[in-house]
Amino acid sequence: MGAIGDSIEAALQAASTRPLPASPTKRMEIIVRAENGSTKRAAARLGCSQRQVERYLKGEVRRPTPRLAAALEGEARRDWQPRVRQRAIRRAGQVGITVETRARFGFRAAAGSTDDARMRRITEQIDPWTARALLAAYQAGKTEDQLSEILAEGLAYAYFQDRGRRAAGLDVTMTDIDYLDVELG
């Protein structure tokens, strides 16, 4: 995943109300539950065998390899407290999100103005409809470039177009993301 996807995931994880269980068995249970009880799909997500998943569920194995431990933590975090995550997404779709970034912004503009891309540090509240589109694209597994296009449109409207009061029709591109921080509603 890229900077945008990682930032959205971090914001969703920050919405959690309880800490993630530390036990590999409990983490495996979370992942299998998210896969509707399918140990085969859980194994595919973790990059291990279906039998290995079944051993963890029975409590036969308690110490994962470092690679599996990292995969267990990452995948369990994505599935931890799904209703809390959905509530955070729904709220962000109603009130918008705050984005703080340092990235290279370029645009096509009227003749006589500069369109050279340059690094800018921007902190803006993104409108609810862009937030909904961005979060829906993230949940659908869209690529980082597709997420970047949606975010660039939202930042163009909020920052460059001053929420529709100027520079109508400005086409903004966002590249070379130095850092990006997303805060949900």
Protein backbone atom coordinates (compact mmCIF):
# COMPACT_ATOMS: atom_id res chain seq x y z
CA MET A 1 0.00 0.00 0.00
CA GLY A 2 1.12 3.58 -0.49
CA ALA A 3 1.08 6.74 1.59
CA ILE A 4 -2.63 7.47 1.08
CA GLY A 5 -3.81 3.93 1.83
CA ASP A 6 -1.52 3.68 4.85
CA SER A 7 -2.79 7.00 6.22
CA ILE A 8 -6.42 5.98 5.80
CA GLU A 9 -5.72 2.65 7.51
CA ALA A 10 -3.93 4.39 10.40
CA ALA A 11 -6.89 6.75 10.84
CA LEU A 12 -9.32 3.82 10.86
CA GLN A 13 -7.19 1.96 13.41
CA ALA A 14 -7.06 5.08 15.60
CA ALA A 15 -10.86 4.90 15.84
CA SER A 16 -10.60 1.60 17.77
CA THR A 17 -12.02 1.66 21.26
CA ARG A 18 -10.09 -1.36 22.62
CA PRO A 19 -6.55 -2.64 22.05
CA LEU A 20 -5.94 -5.53 19.69
CA PRO A 21 -5.50 -8.86 21.54
CA ALA A 22 -1.85 -9.89 21.83
CA SER A 23 -2.37 -13.65 21.55
CA PRO A 24 -1.68 -15.15 18.10
CA THR A 25 -4.65 -17.49 18.63
CA LYS A 26 -7.02 -14.57 19.26
CA ARG A 27 -5.62 -12.69 16.26
CA MET A 28 -6.14 -15.77 14.10
CA GLU A 29 -9.73 -16.02 15.35
CA ILE A 30 -10.34 -12.40 14.34
CA ILE A 31 -9.08 -13.04 10.80
CA VAL A 32 -11.02 -16.30 10.38
CA ARG A 33 -14.20 -14.60 11.68
CA ALA A 34 -13.72 -11.82 9.11
CA GLU A 35 -13.47 -14.49 6.41
CA ASN A 36 -16.79 -16.01 7.52
CA GLY A 37 -15.07 -19.00 9.11
CA SER A 38 -12.97 -19.91 6.08
CA THR A 39 -9.54 -21.07 7.21
CA LYS A 40 -8.53 -21.41 3.55
CA ARG A 41 -9.13 -17.70 2.80
CA ALA A 42 -7.47 -16.72 6.09
CA ALA A 43 -4.42 -18.76 5.12
CA ALA A 44 -4.29 -17.08 1.71
CA ARG A 45 -4.36 -13.65 3.37
CA LEU A 46 -1.55 -14.61 5.76
CA GLY A 47 0.58 -16.47 3.23
CA CYS A 48 0.63 -19.73 5.18
CA SER A 49 -1.06 -23.12 4.92
CA GLN A 50 -4.64 -23.82 5.89
CA ARG A 51 -3.37 -26.46 8.32
CA GLN A 52 -1.19 -23.85 10.04
CA VAL A 53 -4.27 -21.66 10.59
CA GLU A 54 -6.15 -24.64 12.04
CA ARG A 55 -3.25 -25.39 14.42
CA TYR A 56 -3.35 -21.83 15.75
CA LEU A 57 -7.11 -22.01 16.24
CA LYS A 58 -6.76 -25.26 18.24
CA GLY A 59 -3.96 -23.76 20.33
CA GLU A 60 -1.40 -26.33 19.15
CA VAL A 61 1.02 -23.59 18.06
CA ARG A 62 1.65 -20.46 20.08
CA ARG A 63 4.78 -18.87 18.66
CA PRO A 64 4.55 -17.61 15.08
CA THR A 65 7.58 -16.92 12.95
CA PRO A 66 8.48 -13.23 12.70
CA ARG A 67 7.00 -13.03 9.18
CA LEU A 68 3.74 -14.67 10.25
CA ALA A 69 3.60 -12.57 13.43
CA ALA A 70 3.81 -9.38 11.34
CA ALA A 71 1.17 -10.66 8.92
CA LEU A 72 -1.09 -11.70 11.81
CA GLU A 73 -0.85 -8.27 13.40
CA GLY A 74 -1.46 -6.36 10.17
CA GLU A 75 -4.40 -8.45 9.02
CA ALA A 76 -5.98 -8.65 12.48
CA ARG A 77 -5.76 -4.85 12.81
CA ARG A 78 -7.66 -4.46 9.53
CA ASP A 79 -10.43 -6.71 10.84
CA TRP A 80 -10.48 -5.55 14.46
CA GLN A 81 -13.75 -3.93 15.57
CA PRO A 82 -15.47 -3.81 12.16
CA ARG A 83 -18.54 -1.95 13.46
CA VAL A 84 -16.36 0.76 15.01
CA ARG A 85 -14.52 1.12 11.67
CA GLN A 86 -17.82 1.37 9.77
CA ARG A 87 -19.11 3.97 12.22
CA ALA A 88 -15.92 6.04 11.71
CA ILE A 89 -16.30 5.76 7.92
CA ARG A 90 -19.96 6.77 8.10
CA ARG A 91 -19.12 9.77 10.29
CA ALA A 92 -16.31 10.85 7.96
CA GLY A 93 -18.79 10.64 5.07
CA GLN A 94 -21.08 13.03 6.92
CA VAL A 95 -18.61 15.65 8.18
CA GLY A 96 -15.55 15.16 5.97
CA ILE A 97 -11.91 14.43 6.79
CA THR A 98 -8.88 16.54 7.59
CA VAL A 99 -5.82 15.97 5.43
CA GLU A 100 -2.34 17.25 6.22
CA THR A 101 0.21 16.61 3.51
CA ARG A 102 3.40 17.74 1.90
CA ALA A 103 3.34 16.80 -1.75
CA ARG A 104 4.09 18.12 -5.21
CA PHE A 105 1.05 19.84 -6.71
CA GLY A 106 0.81 20.84 -10.34
CA PHE A 107 -2.11 22.00 -12.42
CA ARG A 108 -3.33 23.13 -15.79
CA ALA A 109 -4.45 26.72 -15.65
CA ALA A 110 -5.29 29.67 -17.85
CA ALA A 111 -2.65 31.05 -20.21
CA GLY A 112 -0.21 33.40 -18.53
CA SER A 113 -0.14 31.62 -15.19
CA THR A 114 2.43 29.11 -14.07
CA ASP A 115 1.55 25.44 -14.00
CA ASP A 116 4.93 24.18 -12.77
CA ALA A 117 4.51 21.58 -10.06
CA ARG A 118 5.99 22.47 -6.68
CA MET A 119 6.07 21.11 -3.16
CA ARG A 120 3.36 22.49 -0.91
CA ARG A 121 2.39 21.79 2.67
CA ILE A 122 -1.38 21.79 2.92
CA THR A 123 -3.75 21.14 5.80
CA GLU A 124 -7.39 21.20 4.71
CA GLN A 125 -10.79 19.92 5.71
CA ILE A 126 -12.05 17.82 2.79
CA ASP A 127 -15.76 17.97 2.02
CA PRO A 128 -18.00 14.98 2.87
CA TRP A 129 -18.66 13.83 -0.72
CA THR A 130 -14.93 13.61 -1.48
CA ALA A 131 -14.38 11.84 1.85
CA ARG A 132 -17.08 9.31 0.95
CA ALA A 133 -15.55 8.75 -2.50
CA LEU A 134 -12.03 8.37 -1.07
CA LEU A 135 -13.07 5.92 1.65
CA ALA A 136 -15.26 3.92 -0.74
CA ALA A 137 -12.35 3.66 -3.19
CA TYR A 138 -10.04 2.56 -0.36
CA GLN A 139 -12.50 -0.12 0.76
CA ALA A 140 -12.90 -1.31 -2.83
CA GLY A 141 -9.13 -1.82 -3.04
CA LYS A 142 -8.41 0.86 -5.63
CA THR A 143 -4.79 1.61 -6.52
CA GLU A 144 -2.74 4.37 -4.92
CA ASP A 145 -2.93 6.38 -8.17
CA GLN A 146 -6.73 6.24 -8.13
CA LEU A 147 -6.80 7.31 -4.47
CA SER A 148 -4.39 10.13 -5.34
CA GLU A 149 -6.70 11.41 -8.09
CA ILE A 150 -9.69 11.52 -5.74
CA LEU A 151 -7.67 13.22 -3.00
CA ALA A 152 -6.21 15.73 -5.48
CA GLU A 153 -9.74 16.67 -6.61
CA GLY A 154 -10.80 17.19 -3.00
CA LEU A 155 -7.75 19.29 -2.17
CA ALA A 156 -8.18 21.27 -5.40
CA TYR A 157 -11.73 22.16 -4.41
CA ALA A 158 -10.89 22.96 -0.78
CA TYR A 159 -7.54 24.72 -1.20
CA PHE A 160 -6.93 25.91 -4.75
CA GLN A 161 -10.54 26.72 -5.68
CA ASP A 162 -11.42 28.06 -2.21
CA ARG A 163 -14.49 25.80 -2.04
CA GLY A 164 -15.81 26.93 -5.42
CA ARG A 165 -15.23 30.69 -5.04
CA ARG A 166 -12.36 30.90 -7.56
CA ALA A 167 -10.37 29.06 -10.22
CA ALA A 168 -13.27 27.01 -11.55
CA GLY A 169 -12.21 24.09 -13.72
CA LEU A 170 -8.67 23.92 -12.33
CA ASP A 171 -7.17 20.46 -12.93
CA VAL A 172 -4.80 19.57 -10.06
CA THR A 173 -2.32 16.70 -9.91
CA MET A 174 -0.68 15.43 -6.74
CA THR A 175 2.60 13.48 -6.87
CA ASP A 176 5.72 12.87 -4.77
CA ILE A 177 3.92 12.63 -1.44
CA ASP A 178 6.45 13.39 1.28
CA TYR A 179 3.99 12.64 4.08
CA LEU A 180 0.25 12.44 4.47
CA ASP A 181 -1.87 12.35 7.61
CA VAL A 182 -5.63 11.69 7.52
CA GLU A 183 -7.92 12.44 10.43
CA LEU A 184 -11.46 11.12 10.23
CA GLY A 185 -14.35 13.49 11.03
